[in-house]
Protein backbone atom coordinates (compact mmCIF):
# COMPACT_ATOMS: atom_id res chain seq x y z
CA MET A 1 -16.88 16.75 0.81
CA ARG A 2 -18.85 18.99 3.18
CA ASP A 3 -17.61 21.17 6.06
CA ALA A 4 -14.18 22.00 4.67
CA SER A 5 -12.28 24.77 6.49
CA GLN A 6 -11.71 28.05 4.72
CA ARG A 7 -8.06 27.29 4.16
CA CYS A 8 -8.85 23.88 2.74
CA ILE A 9 -11.40 25.41 0.35
CA GLU A 10 -8.89 27.98 -0.82
CA VAL A 11 -6.06 25.44 -1.36
CA VAL A 12 -8.22 22.86 -3.18
CA THR A 13 -10.09 25.35 -5.41
CA ALA A 14 -6.79 27.01 -6.31
CA ALA A 15 -5.63 23.57 -7.60
CA GLY A 16 -8.72 23.00 -9.69
CA GLY A 17 -11.46 22.02 -7.27
CA SER A 18 -14.78 23.82 -6.90
CA LEU A 19 -17.40 24.62 -4.26
CA THR A 20 -21.10 23.90 -4.86
CA GLY A 21 -23.87 26.28 -3.80
CA ASP A 22 -24.65 24.10 -0.79
CA GLY A 23 -21.07 24.11 0.43
CA ARG A 24 -19.79 20.81 -0.90
CA LEU A 25 -16.12 20.82 -1.97
CA LEU A 26 -15.63 18.90 -5.23
CA ILE A 27 -12.25 17.39 -6.08
CA PRO A 28 -11.97 16.36 -9.78
CA ARG A 29 -10.17 13.31 -11.03
CA GLU A 30 -7.12 15.22 -12.32
CA VAL A 31 -6.54 16.81 -8.90
CA CYS A 32 -6.74 13.40 -7.22
CA GLU A 33 -4.34 11.91 -9.78
CA GLY A 34 -1.89 14.76 -9.25
CA ALA A 35 -1.97 14.23 -5.52
CA LEU A 36 -1.43 10.46 -5.92
CA ALA A 37 1.56 11.16 -8.19
CA ASP A 38 3.08 13.40 -5.52
CA ALA A 39 2.16 11.28 -2.52
CA GLY A 40 4.92 10.16 -0.13
CA ARG A 41 6.33 6.73 -0.81
CA GLY A 42 9.41 5.00 0.48
CA PHE A 43 9.47 6.87 3.77
CA LYS A 44 10.35 5.21 7.08
CA LEU A 45 8.54 5.42 10.37
CA TYR A 46 11.35 6.13 12.77
CA ALA A 47 11.76 5.04 16.35
CA GLN A 48 13.77 6.58 19.17
CA ASP A 49 16.02 3.50 18.87
CA PRO A 50 17.08 3.01 15.18
CA ASP A 51 16.94 -0.77 15.68
CA HIS A 52 13.13 -0.43 15.75
CA ASP A 53 12.69 1.78 12.64
CA LEU A 54 9.90 0.56 10.34
CA ASP A 55 9.82 0.43 6.55
CA PRO A 56 6.15 0.36 5.42
CA SER A 57 6.88 0.16 1.72
CA GLY A 58 5.90 -2.56 -0.75
CA ARG A 59 4.30 -5.55 0.93
CA ARG A 60 6.25 -5.31 4.18
CA ILE A 61 3.98 -6.16 7.15
CA HIS A 62 4.09 -4.71 10.65
CA LEU A 63 1.64 -5.19 13.52
CA GLY A 64 1.14 -3.08 16.57
CA THR A 65 -1.35 -1.36 18.85
CA SER A 66 -3.89 1.42 18.68
CA GLY A 67 -7.32 2.36 20.00
CA ALA A 68 -8.96 4.60 22.51
CA ALA A 69 -10.40 2.08 24.97
CA VAL A 70 -12.00 3.49 28.13
CA HIS A 71 -11.90 0.32 30.19
CA MET A 72 -9.42 -2.18 31.55
CA VAL A 73 -10.50 -5.86 31.92
CA ASP A 74 -8.97 -8.29 34.43
CA SER A 75 -9.24 -11.87 33.24
CA GLU A 76 -8.62 -13.25 36.70
CA THR A 77 -11.25 -11.25 38.68
CA ARG A 78 -13.43 -10.46 35.61
CA GLU A 79 -13.66 -6.89 36.80
CA VAL A 80 -13.98 -3.93 34.45
CA ARG A 81 -12.64 -0.48 35.50
CA ASP A 82 -11.78 2.86 33.95
CA SER A 83 -8.43 3.04 32.16
CA HIS A 84 -5.73 5.29 33.63
CA LEU A 85 -2.47 6.94 32.52
CA ILE A 86 -0.38 4.36 34.27
CA ASP A 87 -2.15 1.60 32.31
CA LEU A 88 -1.13 3.30 29.05
CA TYR A 89 2.47 3.60 30.23
CA ASN A 90 2.56 -0.07 31.32
CA MET A 91 1.25 -1.15 27.93
CA ALA A 92 4.01 0.88 26.23
CA ARG A 93 6.51 -0.93 28.47
CA LEU A 94 5.11 -4.32 27.49
CA ALA A 95 5.20 -3.44 23.81
CA ASP A 96 8.83 -2.31 24.20
CA ARG A 97 9.85 -5.79 25.43
CA LEU A 98 7.66 -7.98 23.25
CA PRO A 99 9.49 -8.64 19.97
CA ASN A 100 6.48 -9.21 17.68
CA ILE A 101 4.78 -5.92 18.56
CA HIS A 102 6.44 -3.57 16.10
CA MET A 103 5.00 -0.20 17.04
CA PHE A 104 2.97 1.34 19.81
CA GLN A 105 0.04 3.71 19.21
CA ARG A 106 -2.08 4.96 22.12
CA THR A 107 -4.29 2.14 23.34
CA VAL A 108 -6.40 3.60 26.18
CA VAL A 109 -7.82 6.94 27.25
CA ALA A 110 -6.34 8.25 30.52
CA ARG A 111 -9.67 8.76 32.25
CA ASP A 112 -7.92 9.99 35.42
CA ILE A 113 -6.99 13.18 33.49
CA LEU A 114 -9.97 15.41 32.69
CA ASP A 115 -8.39 18.39 30.97
CA PRO A 116 -8.12 17.71 27.21
CA PHE A 117 -4.80 19.57 26.87
CA GLU A 118 -3.24 17.67 29.78
CA MET A 119 -4.61 14.41 28.46
CA ASP A 120 -3.06 14.90 25.01
CA LEU A 121 0.36 15.83 26.43
CA ASN A 122 0.41 13.10 29.04
CA THR A 123 -0.74 10.51 26.53
CA ALA A 124 2.11 11.40 24.14
CA TYR A 125 4.70 11.35 26.94
CA ALA A 126 3.50 8.10 28.44
CA CYS A 127 3.93 6.45 25.02
CA LEU A 128 7.31 8.05 24.32
CA SER A 129 8.76 7.29 27.75
CA GLY A 130 7.39 3.74 27.82
CA THR A 131 8.90 2.43 24.58
CA ARG A 132 11.79 3.04 22.23
CA LYS A 133 9.67 1.81 19.29
CA HIS A 134 7.80 3.98 16.85
CA VAL A 135 4.91 5.75 18.61
CA GLY A 136 1.53 7.06 17.46
CA THR A 137 -1.08 9.17 19.16
CA SER A 138 -3.68 11.83 18.36
CA PHE A 139 -4.30 15.44 19.38
CA ALA A 140 -7.72 17.06 19.86
CA ASN A 141 -6.74 20.31 18.12
CA ALA A 142 -3.89 22.26 16.57
CA GLY A 143 -3.01 24.07 19.81
CA ASN A 144 -2.54 20.81 21.67
CA LEU A 145 -0.48 19.45 18.80
CA ALA A 146 1.78 22.53 18.79
CA ALA A 147 2.60 21.91 22.45
CA GLY A 148 3.10 18.23 21.68
CA ILE A 149 5.62 19.09 18.96
CA ARG A 150 7.62 21.17 21.45
CA LEU A 151 7.66 18.10 23.74
CA MET A 152 8.85 15.88 20.82
CA HIS A 153 11.63 18.36 20.05
CA MET A 154 12.80 18.13 23.65
CA VAL A 155 12.81 14.32 23.55
CA ALA A 156 14.69 14.34 20.22
CA GLY A 157 17.28 16.90 21.29
CA GLY A 158 16.03 19.71 19.07
CA GLU A 159 13.80 20.56 16.12
CA ASP A 160 16.31 19.49 13.47
CA ALA A 161 16.90 16.16 15.16
CA PHE A 162 13.16 15.48 15.18
CA ARG A 163 12.69 16.55 11.55
CA ASP A 164 15.51 14.20 10.55
CA ARG A 165 13.93 11.27 12.43
CA PRO A 166 10.31 11.95 13.39
CA PHE A 167 9.59 9.11 15.82
CA LEU A 168 5.90 9.91 16.35
CA CYS A 169 2.99 9.66 13.88
CA VAL A 170 -0.16 11.65 14.44
CA SER A 171 -3.39 9.76 13.81
CA THR A 172 -6.16 12.06 12.70
CA CYS A 173 -9.82 11.19 12.02
CA PHE A 174 -10.15 14.09 9.60
CA VAL A 175 -13.42 12.74 8.24
CA VAL A 176 -16.86 12.49 9.85
CA PRO A 177 -18.45 9.91 7.57
CA PRO A 178 -20.28 10.13 5.29
CA LEU A 179 -18.29 12.65 3.19
CA LYS A 180 -17.74 15.40 5.75
CA PHE A 181 -14.50 16.98 6.97
CA ALA A 182 -13.72 17.50 10.64
CA GLU A 183 -12.44 21.09 10.79
CA ASP A 184 -10.27 20.75 13.92
CA ALA A 185 -8.57 17.72 12.39
CA LEU A 186 -7.89 19.60 9.13
CA ALA A 187 -5.98 22.13 11.28
CA VAL A 188 -4.00 19.22 12.84
CA ILE A 189 -3.07 18.05 9.35
CA GLU A 190 -1.85 21.55 8.51
CA VAL A 191 0.43 21.73 11.60
CA CYS A 192 1.84 18.23 10.86
CA CYS A 193 2.68 19.27 7.32
CA ASP A 194 4.35 22.47 8.56
CA HIS A 195 6.50 20.58 11.10
CA GLY A 196 7.35 17.35 9.29
CA VAL A 197 5.21 15.09 11.52
CA PRO A 198 4.03 11.87 9.77
CA LEU A 199 0.27 11.44 9.46
CA LYS A 200 -2.13 8.55 9.61
CA LEU A 201 -5.12 9.74 7.60
CA VAL A 202 -8.18 7.90 9.04
CA SER A 203 -11.67 7.51 7.69
CA ALA A 204 -13.57 5.12 9.91
CA GLY A 205 -17.15 4.78 8.78
CA GLN A 206 -19.34 1.96 10.16
CA ALA A 207 -20.87 -0.20 7.45
CA GLY A 208 -24.67 0.01 7.62
CA ALA A 209 -24.57 3.21 9.75
CA THR A 210 -22.13 5.86 8.43
CA SER A 211 -21.04 3.99 5.30
CA PRO A 212 -23.00 1.64 3.00
CA ALA A 213 -23.97 -1.78 4.28
CA ALA A 214 -22.74 -3.25 0.94
CA LEU A 215 -19.11 -4.09 1.70
CA ALA A 216 -17.88 -2.80 -1.72
CA GLY A 217 -19.66 0.48 -1.10
CA ALA A 218 -18.10 0.81 2.34
CA VAL A 219 -14.64 0.33 0.83
CA ALA A 220 -15.43 2.80 -1.99
CA GLN A 221 -16.65 5.52 0.37
CA GLN A 222 -13.67 5.16 2.76
CA THR A 223 -11.25 5.14 -0.16
CA ALA A 224 -12.76 8.33 -1.52
CA GLU A 225 -12.58 10.04 1.87
CA VAL A 226 -8.94 9.12 2.42
CA LEU A 227 -8.12 10.34 -1.10
CA ALA A 228 -9.64 13.70 -0.18
CA GLY A 229 -7.21 13.84 2.78
CA LEU A 230 -4.25 12.85 0.58
CA VAL A 231 -5.16 15.60 -1.89
CA TYR A 232 -5.07 18.21 0.84
CA VAL A 233 -1.83 16.89 2.36
CA ASN A 234 -0.03 16.87 -0.95
CA LEU A 235 -1.27 20.30 -1.95
CA LEU A 236 0.11 21.61 1.34
CA ARG A 237 3.40 19.69 1.21
CA PRO A 238 3.97 17.32 -1.71
CA GLY A 239 5.46 14.00 -0.61
CA HIS A 240 4.69 14.44 3.06
CA PRO A 241 4.67 11.02 4.84
CA ALA A 242 1.03 10.03 5.18
CA LEU A 243 -0.51 6.59 5.71
CA PHE A 244 -3.62 5.53 3.76
CA GLY A 245 -5.98 4.81 6.68
CA ALA A 246 -9.25 3.66 5.15
CA LEU A 247 -10.88 1.82 8.07
CA PRO A 248 -14.49 0.79 7.40
CA PHE A 249 -15.84 -0.86 10.51
CA VAL A 250 -18.70 -3.28 10.72
CA SER A 251 -22.15 -3.00 12.32
CA ASP A 252 -24.08 -5.99 13.58
CA LEU A 253 -27.14 -5.08 11.58
CA ARG A 254 -29.41 -6.84 14.11
CA THR A 255 -28.49 -4.29 16.79
CA GLY A 256 -26.42 -1.50 15.20
CA ALA A 257 -23.51 -2.27 17.53
CA MET A 258 -19.98 -2.34 16.21
CA SER A 259 -18.62 -5.84 15.48
CA GLY A 260 -14.82 -5.51 15.33
CA GLY A 261 -14.21 -9.26 15.40
CA SER A 262 -16.45 -10.27 12.54
CA ALA A 263 -15.29 -12.02 9.37
CA GLU A 264 -16.58 -9.01 7.42
CA GLN A 265 -14.21 -6.81 9.37
CA GLY A 266 -11.24 -8.88 8.21
CA LEU A 267 -12.52 -8.79 4.61
CA LEU A 268 -13.02 -5.02 4.68
CA MET A 269 -9.49 -4.37 5.99
CA ALA A 270 -8.03 -6.77 3.41
CA ALA A 271 -9.88 -4.89 0.65
CA CYS A 272 -8.61 -1.53 1.89
CA ALA A 273 -5.06 -2.90 2.04
CA GLN A 274 -5.47 -3.95 -1.58
CA MET A 275 -6.68 -0.47 -2.54
CA ALA A 276 -3.62 1.06 -0.95
CA GLN A 277 -1.41 -1.48 -2.75
CA HIS A 278 -3.18 -0.43 -5.97
CA TYR A 279 -2.12 3.17 -5.35
CA ALA A 280 1.31 2.05 -3.97
CA ILE A 281 0.80 4.17 -0.86
CA PRO A 282 1.78 2.78 2.59
CA CYS A 283 -1.39 1.73 4.34
CA ALA A 284 -2.74 1.39 7.85
CA VAL A 285 -5.62 -0.94 8.70
CA SER A 286 -7.22 -2.21 11.94
CA ALA A 287 -7.47 -5.86 12.91
CA GLY A 288 -7.61 -7.80 16.15
CA MET A 289 -10.55 -5.88 17.57
CA THR A 290 -12.36 -8.83 19.09
CA ASP A 291 -15.92 -8.43 20.33
CA SER A 292 -15.10 -10.77 23.25
CA LYS A 293 -14.65 -9.14 26.66
CA MET A 294 -11.99 -11.58 27.82
CA PRO A 295 -9.02 -13.52 26.45
CA ASP A 296 -11.04 -16.59 25.52
CA PHE A 297 -11.77 -18.80 22.54
CA GLN A 298 -13.88 -16.14 20.82
CA ALA A 299 -11.07 -13.62 21.17
CA GLY A 300 -8.57 -16.06 19.73
CA TYR A 301 -10.46 -16.95 16.58
CA GLU A 302 -11.62 -13.37 15.92
CA LYS A 303 -8.14 -11.90 16.36
CA GLY A 304 -6.52 -14.64 14.31
CA CYS A 305 -8.98 -14.41 11.43
CA THR A 306 -8.99 -10.63 11.04
CA GLU A 307 -5.25 -10.16 11.49
CA LEU A 308 -4.28 -12.95 9.08
CA LEU A 309 -6.69 -11.70 6.40
CA SER A 310 -5.25 -8.20 6.62
CA ALA A 311 -1.65 -9.38 6.60
CA LEU A 312 -2.06 -11.73 3.63
CA ALA A 313 -3.67 -8.87 1.68
CA GLY A 314 -0.49 -6.83 2.10
CA ALA A 315 -1.42 -4.35 4.83
CA ASN A 316 1.78 -2.50 5.74
CA LEU A 317 0.69 -1.48 9.23
CA ILE A 318 -1.93 -3.39 11.21
CA TYR A 319 -3.11 -1.48 14.22
CA GLU A 320 -5.27 -2.72 17.15
CA ALA A 321 -3.43 -6.09 16.79
CA ALA A 322 -2.60 -6.40 20.51
CA GLY A 323 -4.52 -5.93 23.68
CA MET A 324 -7.98 -4.85 22.49
CA TYR A 325 -11.35 -6.28 23.67
CA GLY A 326 -15.04 -5.40 23.64
CA SER A 327 -14.97 -3.92 20.11
CA LEU A 328 -12.27 -1.42 21.14
CA LEU A 329 -13.97 -0.43 24.42
CA ALA A 330 -11.57 -2.36 26.70
CA CYS A 331 -7.97 -3.43 26.94
CA SER A 332 -6.08 -6.16 28.79
CA LEU A 333 -2.47 -6.19 29.96
CA GLU A 334 -1.97 -9.93 29.77
CA SER A 335 -3.34 -9.95 26.23
CA PHE A 336 -0.17 -8.21 25.09
CA VAL A 337 1.91 -11.35 25.73
CA LEU A 338 -0.85 -13.58 24.26
CA ASP A 339 -1.10 -11.42 21.15
CA ASN A 340 2.67 -11.36 20.81
CA ASP A 341 2.44 -15.13 20.14
CA LEU A 342 -0.41 -14.64 17.66
CA ILE A 343 1.39 -11.90 15.78
CA GLY A 344 4.48 -14.08 15.48
CA ALA A 345 2.37 -16.79 13.85
CA VAL A 346 0.75 -14.25 11.50
CA MET A 347 4.14 -12.92 10.46
CA ARG A 348 5.36 -16.46 9.79
CA ALA A 349 2.33 -17.14 7.61
CA THR A 350 2.89 -13.98 5.54
CA ARG A 351 6.52 -14.96 4.94
CA GLY A 352 5.31 -17.95 2.97
CA ILE A 353 7.41 -20.86 1.78
CA GLU A 354 10.83 -20.48 0.20
CA VAL A 355 11.04 -22.54 -2.96
CA SER A 356 14.47 -23.20 -4.41
CA GLU A 357 16.63 -26.14 -5.56
CA ALA A 358 17.89 -26.48 -1.98
CA THR A 359 14.55 -26.27 -0.24
CA LEU A 360 12.84 -28.69 -2.61
CA SER A 361 15.21 -31.14 -0.85
CA PHE A 362 15.92 -33.65 -3.61
CA GLU A 363 19.38 -34.43 -2.31
CA THR A 364 18.13 -34.54 1.27
CA VAL A 365 15.45 -37.07 0.30
CA ARG A 366 18.10 -39.08 -1.49
CA ASP A 367 20.39 -38.96 1.60
CA VAL A 368 17.56 -40.20 3.85
CA CYS A 369 15.89 -42.75 1.62
CA ILE A 370 18.86 -44.38 -0.13
CA ASP A 371 21.91 -43.74 2.04
CA GLY A 372 20.40 -42.88 5.40
CA PRO A 373 18.18 -43.98 8.26
CA GLY A 374 14.79 -43.48 6.58
CA HIS A 375 13.81 -40.45 8.62
CA PHE A 376 14.81 -36.80 8.69
CA LEU A 377 15.35 -36.43 12.44
CA GLY A 378 18.89 -35.21 13.03
CA HIS A 379 19.61 -34.61 9.38
CA PRO A 380 21.81 -31.52 8.84
CA GLN A 381 19.04 -29.79 6.84
CA THR A 382 16.58 -30.40 9.70
CA MET A 383 18.97 -28.84 12.18
CA GLU A 384 19.66 -25.96 9.85
CA ARG A 385 16.05 -25.20 9.05
CA MET A 386 14.48 -25.65 12.48
CA GLN A 387 15.08 -21.93 13.30
CA SER A 388 14.73 -20.31 9.88
CA ASP A 389 11.56 -22.11 8.66
CA TYR A 390 9.59 -22.57 11.90
CA TYR A 391 8.01 -20.28 14.45
CA TYR A 392 7.81 -21.35 18.12
CA PRO A 393 5.28 -19.63 20.38
CA HIS A 394 6.51 -18.29 23.69
CA LEU A 395 3.41 -19.27 25.69
CA GLY A 396 1.53 -21.77 23.57
CA ASP A 397 1.51 -25.31 25.00
CA ARG A 398 2.49 -28.11 22.58
CA SER A 399 2.92 -30.87 25.15
CA THR A 400 0.83 -34.08 25.06
CA PRO A 401 -2.28 -34.19 27.26
CA GLN A 402 -0.45 -36.55 29.68
CA GLU A 403 2.62 -34.26 29.84
CA TRP A 404 0.35 -31.31 30.40
CA ARG A 405 -1.42 -33.13 33.26
CA ASP A 406 1.87 -34.25 34.82
CA ASN A 407 3.21 -30.68 34.66
CA GLY A 408 0.29 -29.34 36.67
CA ALA A 409 -2.34 -28.85 33.98
CA GLY A 410 -1.39 -25.19 33.63
CA ASP A 411 -3.73 -22.62 32.10
CA LEU A 412 -2.63 -20.35 29.25
CA LEU A 413 -4.12 -17.25 30.89
CA ALA A 414 -2.28 -17.98 34.13
CA ARG A 415 0.96 -18.26 32.23
CA ALA A 416 0.16 -15.00 30.44
CA ARG A 417 -0.49 -13.20 33.74
CA ASP A 418 2.76 -14.50 35.20
CA ARG A 419 4.67 -13.41 32.13
CA THR A 420 3.04 -9.95 32.23
CA ARG A 421 3.96 -9.47 35.88
CA ALA A 422 7.53 -10.58 35.21
CA LEU A 423 7.90 -8.09 32.36
CA LEU A 424 6.47 -5.18 34.36
CA ALA A 425 8.77 -6.05 37.28
CA LYS A 426 11.81 -5.37 35.12
CA PRO A 427 13.46 -1.94 35.39
CA LYS A 428 11.55 0.87 33.73
CA PRO A 429 12.86 2.16 30.42
CA GLY A 430 15.62 4.79 30.64
CA HIS A 431 15.98 5.88 27.04
CA ILE A 432 14.86 9.46 27.92
CA PRO A 433 17.73 10.91 29.94
CA PRO A 434 16.88 12.13 33.48
CA ASP A 435 17.80 15.76 32.72
CA VAL A 436 15.48 15.74 29.63
CA ASP A 437 12.72 14.23 31.72
CA ARG A 438 13.12 16.91 34.36
CA ALA A 439 13.07 19.65 31.69
CA ILE A 440 9.87 18.23 30.18
CA ARG A 441 8.19 18.01 33.55
CA ALA A 442 9.15 21.63 34.23
CA ALA A 443 7.71 22.74 30.93
CA PHE A 444 4.51 20.68 30.79
CA PRO A 445 1.95 19.32 33.29
CA ILE A 446 3.19 15.73 33.21
CA ARG A 447 1.21 13.53 35.60
CA LEU A 448 3.06 10.27 35.09
CA PRO A 449 5.08 9.39 38.22
CA GLY A 450 8.81 9.98 37.79
C-alpha cells in the first residue's frame, strides 16, 4: 500500500511489515493472518432504541440506506434539485417508521451547508435525531470526528454510556484505489479505535477504472485493500468492531460512467459477501443503486436483482438498499416506501423454506384429499401459515385488472407519494429529550430547525 501515514508505517513495521524504497508498505501473510485471528466477531450494532439493535453475525441479513447523493428527484414533477439538510432528516424519519429498513446511514449531502465541519456535525445530528435505529455517517477528518464523538456522548448521556452501546458507525473510505491509503481517513480510524466507535472499512474501486475490469480481479483487489485496513485496526485495538466493506463498483466500459444497477454490480457484491463469509467477519456491501433517475421499471428490476443477489450470498449489511437513484447521484423520498416493500420481499426470499414433518404436510393432504373438501382454503394449517410463511407488500397491487379499474386505476407511485406524505405528517421523533437537544444546540452549530 502506498501513502501510509507515519503512525501507520510505524505500527505495521513494528508488527512485521516493511517499507520499500519507493514508499510502499508491505504487509506479509503472517501479519494478515494474525489480524484476521484477532478481528472483531460477534459484536452488535446498537441503536438508540434497543428494539432496533442489529446482530450482523453469521448469515444474518439486514438492509438499510447509505450514499452521498447531491440531488433530490421528484417523480411527480420530474424536477431535480440540490439535496438539503431537511431532506436528510426527513429520510431518517421515514426509515424510522418503515419496518423493513433496518438501519440508516447518511443518504444525501446537505448542500445548503458549505462549511465542512458544520456539514459533518449537522449530518450526524440529523441522522441521530431523525431515527432511533442504528445510524451511520462519515467525517472528513479526525478533528471533525472528535467533535462528533462529543455530540454522541451528549446524546447517549455520557462517554461510558456510549462506549457500552455505540449507536453510530463511522464509514471511512480509507483507501484511494488502487492500493493507496487516504491519510486523513487513517486518522479517523485511529480516533474510532481510541473511542470505541464501530467502523465500516470501505474500499470502493470502480472496475475498469480504479480496479481491474476482470470481475475476479476487482474482488481480489478490494479484498486486499480491506484486509490492509483490518490489519491496521487490529494492531491498534485487537477485536475492535469493524465491518468488511469491500465495495467494487462497475463501470459501463462504453462510457466509463458508473453503473450501479448492472447485473455485474450484484455479482461483485455477492462475491465480496462470500469473501467476508470465508473470513467470518461481518460484512457490508452496496446494492440497490439503480442507474434509473426515477422510480420506474428499470429501477425496480435493477434494485431487485442486485439486492437479492447480495442477500442470498449472505451479506450481513446491505447499504444503499433504499432511496437511491442515478447511480448514487440522486435520492427520492417516496422511494423509501417503495423500497420498504422490495426489502420485505428480499428478506422473505432469504429466509427460505422450512422443511419438517409438519411442513411437508402429509397429514394435511390426507385431511383434504380423503376426509375433507378437496381444497386447502380454510384448513387450519392454511390459517396458521398465512402469516408465518407469506409476505404481503404494503403498497403492491394484487387485485385483478377489473378490480383495479373499478377502484380508480390507481398508480403505484401516486400511492407511494400519499404514503410518504402521511408518514412525514406524523409527529416528529422525540427520542432525544428537549434538554439534551438544547444543550447540543448550545455546544454545536446545529442548523436543523428545532
